[in-house]
Amino acid sequence: MSSKIDTEVIVGGKVFTISGYESEEYLQKVATYLNGKYNDFNKDDGFRRLTLDYQNLLLQFNVADDYFKAKNQISLLEDELKSREDDLCNIKHQLISTQIKLDNQEKSLNTLKSDLAEKEKKIIRLETELKERDRKDSKA
């Protein structure tokens, strides 16, 4: 297990020391996200007129909203991924089935070609025998 990391971050214009098992870069990234939220809300005069409790509550609701939207998006993407994996599995099965059919057709074609070659040889043999018989009959 990694050790706890202490790092100073600035959130809402105040310096805080945060401890966690995540990297310092990650903790700074979280602080940057919160500062972005503070900055977005502080642009609104109505927000600045609220009490500190209401400001914090509004920020907490907004962060929770972002969280649930991201969680929902992840769920949708996981469902889409599962659907695509299922589609890919079905396509692989179809490919295997088609490959088996193709192999069987190729075997059948090779058998038919072999039969055709034998029959062509037989025709040539029979034609040769017929010509020889005609020659013998014409000499006789």
C-alpha atoms as a PDB file:
ATOM      1  CA  MET A   1       0.000   0.000   0.000  1.00  0.00           C
ATOM      2  CA  SER A   2       1.363   3.426  -0.834  1.00  0.00           C
ATOM      3  CA  SER A   3       1.955   5.999   1.828  1.00  0.00           C
ATOM      4  CA  LYS A   4      -0.213   9.014   2.479  1.00  0.00           C
ATOM      5  CA  ILE A   5       0.743  12.142   0.652  1.00  0.00           C
ATOM      6  CA  ASP A   6       0.297  15.592   2.157  1.00  0.00           C
ATOM      7  CA  THR A   7      -0.028  18.452  -0.270  1.00  0.00           C
ATOM      8  CA  GLU A   8      -1.152  22.036  -0.093  1.00  0.00           C
ATOM      9  CA  VAL A   9      -3.958  23.092  -2.394  1.00  0.00           C
ATOM     10  CA  ILE A  10      -5.798  26.345  -2.881  1.00  0.00           C
ATOM     11  CA  VAL A  11      -9.576  26.068  -2.969  1.00  0.00           C
ATOM     12  CA  GLY A  12     -11.799  29.111  -3.005  1.00  0.00           C
ATOM     13  CA  GLY A  13      -8.803  31.359  -2.368  1.00  0.00           C
ATOM     14  CA  LYS A  14      -7.807  29.527   0.820  1.00  0.00           C
ATOM     15  CA  VAL A  15      -4.823  27.241   1.357  1.00  0.00           C
ATOM     16  CA  PHE A  16      -5.575  23.759   2.665  1.00  0.00           C
ATOM     17  CA  THR A  17      -3.321  20.824   3.434  1.00  0.00           C
ATOM     18  CA  ILE A  18      -4.872  17.690   1.989  1.00  0.00           C
ATOM     19  CA  SER A  19      -3.755  14.138   2.778  1.00  0.00           C
ATOM     20  CA  GLY A  20      -4.486  11.162   0.612  1.00  0.00           C
ATOM     21  CA  TYR A  21      -3.122   8.044  -1.003  1.00  0.00           C
ATOM     22  CA  GLU A  22      -3.463   9.528  -4.467  1.00  0.00           C
ATOM     23  CA  SER A  23      -0.658  11.394  -6.196  1.00  0.00           C
ATOM     24  CA  GLU A  24      -0.068  15.075  -5.587  1.00  0.00           C
ATOM     25  CA  GLU A  25      -0.986  15.733  -9.227  1.00  0.00           C
ATOM     26  CA  TYR A  26      -4.353  14.073  -8.691  1.00  0.00           C
ATOM     27  CA  LEU A  27      -5.077  16.088  -5.534  1.00  0.00           C
ATOM     28  CA  GLN A  28      -4.148  19.282  -7.393  1.00  0.00           C
ATOM     29  CA  LYS A  29      -6.458  18.239 -10.237  1.00  0.00           C
ATOM     30  CA  VAL A  30      -9.364  17.849  -7.780  1.00  0.00           C
ATOM     31  CA  ALA A  31      -8.572  21.267  -6.295  1.00  0.00           C
ATOM     32  CA  THR A  32      -8.498  22.776  -9.789  1.00  0.00           C
ATOM     33  CA  TYR A  33     -11.921  21.264 -10.500  1.00  0.00           C
ATOM     34  CA  LEU A  34     -13.354  22.775  -7.289  1.00  0.00           C
ATOM     35  CA  ASN A  35     -11.785  26.139  -8.078  1.00  0.00           C
ATOM     36  CA  GLY A  36     -13.388  26.032 -11.500  1.00  0.00           C
ATOM     37  CA  LYS A  37     -16.765  25.506  -9.844  1.00  0.00           C
ATOM     38  CA  TYR A  38     -16.116  28.363  -7.414  1.00  0.00           C
ATOM     39  CA  ASN A  39     -15.074  30.642 -10.261  1.00  0.00           C
ATOM     40  CA  ASP A  40     -18.139  29.752 -12.343  1.00  0.00           C
ATOM     41  CA  PHE A  41     -20.501  30.515  -9.461  1.00  0.00           C
ATOM     42  CA  ASN A  42     -18.669  33.619  -8.275  1.00  0.00           C
ATOM     43  CA  LYS A  43     -19.352  35.251 -11.652  1.00  0.00           C
ATOM     44  CA  ASP A  44     -23.026  35.393 -10.652  1.00  0.00           C
ATOM     45  CA  ASP A  45     -23.998  38.306  -8.365  1.00  0.00           C
ATOM     46  CA  GLY A  46     -26.885  36.269  -6.962  1.00  0.00           C
ATOM     47  CA  PHE A  47     -24.516  33.566  -5.804  1.00  0.00           C
ATOM     48  CA  ARG A  48     -22.220  36.036  -4.058  1.00  0.00           C
ATOM     49  CA  ARG A  49     -25.220  37.453  -2.154  1.00  0.00           C
ATOM     50  CA  LEU A  50     -26.093  34.052  -0.687  1.00  0.00           C
ATOM     51  CA  THR A  51     -24.920  33.083   2.748  1.00  0.00           C
ATOM     52  CA  LEU A  52     -21.806  30.949   2.920  1.00  0.00           C
ATOM     53  CA  ASP A  53     -23.927  27.925   3.912  1.00  0.00           C
ATOM     54  CA  TYR A  54     -26.124  28.326   0.825  1.00  0.00           C
ATOM     55  CA  GLN A  55     -23.107  28.881  -1.404  1.00  0.00           C
ATOM     56  CA  ASN A  56     -21.521  25.677  -0.112  1.00  0.00           C
ATOM     57  CA  LEU A  57     -24.798  23.790  -0.467  1.00  0.00           C
ATOM     58  CA  LEU A  58     -25.184  25.006  -4.063  1.00  0.00           C
ATOM     59  CA  LEU A  59     -21.613  23.973  -4.855  1.00  0.00           C
ATOM     60  CA  GLN A  60     -22.140  20.578  -3.234  1.00  0.00           C
ATOM     61  CA  PHE A  61     -25.320  20.013  -5.234  1.00  0.00           C
ATOM     62  CA  ASN A  62     -23.501  21.019  -8.410  1.00  0.00           C
ATOM     63  CA  VAL A  63     -20.592  18.666  -7.728  1.00  0.00           C
ATOM     64  CA  ALA A  64     -23.033  15.850  -6.875  1.00  0.00           C
ATOM     65  CA  ASP A  65     -24.919  16.594 -10.103  1.00  0.00           C
ATOM     66  CA  ASP A  66     -21.670  16.334 -12.084  1.00  0.00           C
ATOM     67  CA  TYR A  67     -20.913  13.066 -10.297  1.00  0.00           C
ATOM     68  CA  PHE A  68     -24.300  11.484 -11.051  1.00  0.00           C
ATOM     69  CA  LYS A  69     -24.218  12.651 -14.668  1.00  0.00           C
ATOM     70  CA  ALA A  70     -20.729  11.164 -15.074  1.00  0.00           C
ATOM     71  CA  LYS A  71     -21.853   7.949 -13.367  1.00  0.00           C
ATOM     72  CA  ASN A  72     -24.867   7.760 -15.691  1.00  0.00           C
ATOM     73  CA  GLN A  73     -22.643   8.407 -18.713  1.00  0.00           C
ATOM     74  CA  ILE A  74     -20.326   5.595 -17.590  1.00  0.00           C
ATOM     75  CA  SER A  75     -23.322   3.282 -17.249  1.00  0.00           C
ATOM     76  CA  LEU A  76     -24.514   4.186 -20.754  1.00  0.00           C
ATOM     77  CA  LEU A  77     -21.030   3.645 -22.176  1.00  0.00           C
ATOM     78  CA  GLU A  78     -20.712   0.296 -20.377  1.00  0.00           C
ATOM     79  CA  ASP A  79     -24.081  -0.773 -21.801  1.00  0.00           C
ATOM     80  CA  GLU A  80     -22.978   0.320 -25.274  1.00  0.00           C
ATOM     81  CA  LEU A  81     -19.675  -1.525 -24.852  1.00  0.00           C
ATOM     82  CA  LYS A  82     -21.495  -4.691 -23.777  1.00  0.00           C
ATOM     83  CA  SER A  83     -23.834  -4.380 -26.743  1.00  0.00           C
ATOM     84  CA  ARG A  84     -20.885  -3.954 -29.102  1.00  0.00           C
ATOM     85  CA  GLU A  85     -19.087  -6.897 -27.506  1.00  0.00           C
ATOM     86  CA  ASP A  86     -22.247  -9.003 -27.985  1.00  0.00           C
ATOM     87  CA  ASP A  87     -22.472  -7.843 -31.607  1.00  0.00           C
ATOM     88  CA  LEU A  88     -18.806  -8.678 -32.124  1.00  0.00           C
ATOM     89  CA  CYS A  89     -19.332 -12.122 -30.594  1.00  0.00           C
ATOM     90  CA  ASN A  90     -22.298 -12.733 -32.915  1.00  0.00           C
ATOM     91  CA  ILE A  91     -20.267 -11.567 -35.911  1.00  0.00           C
ATOM     92  CA  LYS A  92     -17.424 -13.901 -34.912  1.00  0.00           C
ATOM     93  CA  HIS A  93     -19.893 -16.802 -34.701  1.00  0.00           C
ATOM     94  CA  GLN A  94     -21.287 -15.881 -38.105  1.00  0.00           C
ATOM     95  CA  LEU A  95     -17.762 -15.671 -39.492  1.00  0.00           C
ATOM     96  CA  ILE A  96     -16.895 -19.099 -38.121  1.00  0.00           C
ATOM     97  CA  SER A  97     -20.146 -20.543 -39.469  1.00  0.00           C
ATOM     98  CA  THR A  98     -19.550 -18.950 -42.868  1.00  0.00           C
ATOM     99  CA  GLN A  99     -15.947 -20.193 -42.887  1.00  0.00           C
ATOM    100  CA  ILE A 100     -17.154 -23.734 -42.170  1.00  0.00           C
ATOM    101  CA  LYS A 101     -19.692 -23.456 -45.000  1.00  0.00           C
ATOM    102  CA  LEU A 102     -16.989 -22.117 -47.316  1.00  0.00           C
ATOM    103  CA  ASP A 103     -14.648 -24.969 -46.375  1.00  0.00           C
ATOM    104  CA  ASN A 104     -17.413 -27.479 -47.046  1.00  0.00           C
ATOM    105  CA  GLN A 105     -18.212 -25.820 -50.381  1.00  0.00           C
ATOM    106  CA  GLU A 106     -14.521 -25.878 -51.333  1.00  0.00           C
ATOM    107  CA  LYS A 107     -14.337 -29.593 -50.467  1.00  0.00           C
ATOM    108  CA  SER A 108     -17.480 -30.223 -52.494  1.00  0.00           C
ATOM    109  CA  LEU A 109     -16.065 -28.204 -55.400  1.00  0.00           C
ATOM    110  CA  ASN A 110     -12.791 -30.134 -55.280  1.00  0.00           C
ATOM    111  CA  THR A 111     -14.714 -33.414 -55.245  1.00  0.00           C
ATOM    112  CA  LEU A 112     -16.784 -32.274 -58.228  1.00  0.00           C
ATOM    113  CA  LYS A 113     -13.643 -31.144 -60.080  1.00  0.00           C
ATOM    114  CA  SER A 114     -12.040 -34.501 -59.415  1.00  0.00           C
ATOM    115  CA  ASP A 115     -15.182 -36.311 -60.624  1.00  0.00           C
ATOM    116  CA  LEU A 116     -15.274 -34.092 -63.713  1.00  0.00           C
ATOM    117  CA  ALA A 117     -11.631 -34.803 -64.473  1.00  0.00           C
ATOM    118  CA  GLU A 118     -12.258 -38.550 -64.156  1.00  0.00           C
ATOM    119  CA  LYS A 119     -15.317 -38.338 -66.389  1.00  0.00           C
ATOM    120  CA  GLU A 120     -13.374 -36.296 -68.972  1.00  0.00           C
ATOM    121  CA  LYS A 121     -10.662 -38.977 -68.945  1.00  0.00           C
ATOM    122  CA  LYS A 122     -13.350 -41.637 -69.355  1.00  0.00           C
ATOM    123  CA  ILE A 123     -14.867 -39.709 -72.283  1.00  0.00           C
ATOM    124  CA  ILE A 124     -11.453 -39.430 -73.926  1.00  0.00           C
ATOM    125  CA  ARG A 125     -10.825 -43.149 -73.340  1.00  0.00           C
ATOM    126  CA  LEU A 126     -14.245 -44.070 -74.727  1.00  0.00           C
ATOM    127  CA  GLU A 127     -13.781 -41.765 -77.744  1.00  0.00           C
ATOM    128  CA  THR A 128     -10.388 -43.356 -78.366  1.00  0.00           C
ATOM    129  CA  GLU A 129     -11.891 -46.841 -78.123  1.00  0.00           C
ATOM    130  CA  LEU A 130     -14.687 -45.791 -80.477  1.00  0.00           C
ATOM    131  CA  LYS A 131     -12.189 -44.412 -83.013  1.00  0.00           C
ATOM    132  CA  GLU A 132     -10.141 -47.605 -82.819  1.00  0.00           C
ATOM    133  CA  ARG A 133     -13.274 -49.703 -83.283  1.00  0.00           C
ATOM    134  CA  ASP A 134     -14.321 -47.532 -86.264  1.00  0.00           C
ATOM    135  CA  ARG A 135     -10.844 -47.953 -87.740  1.00  0.00           C
ATOM    136  CA  LYS A 136     -10.969 -51.717 -87.279  1.00  0.00           C
ATOM    137  CA  ASP A 137     -14.451 -51.824 -88.767  1.00  0.00           C
ATOM    138  CA  SER A 138     -13.428 -49.718 -91.755  1.00  0.00           C
ATOM    139  CA  LYS A 139     -10.399 -52.008 -92.422  1.00  0.00           C
ATOM    140  CA  ALA A 140     -12.524 -55.041 -92.237  1.00  0.00           C
END
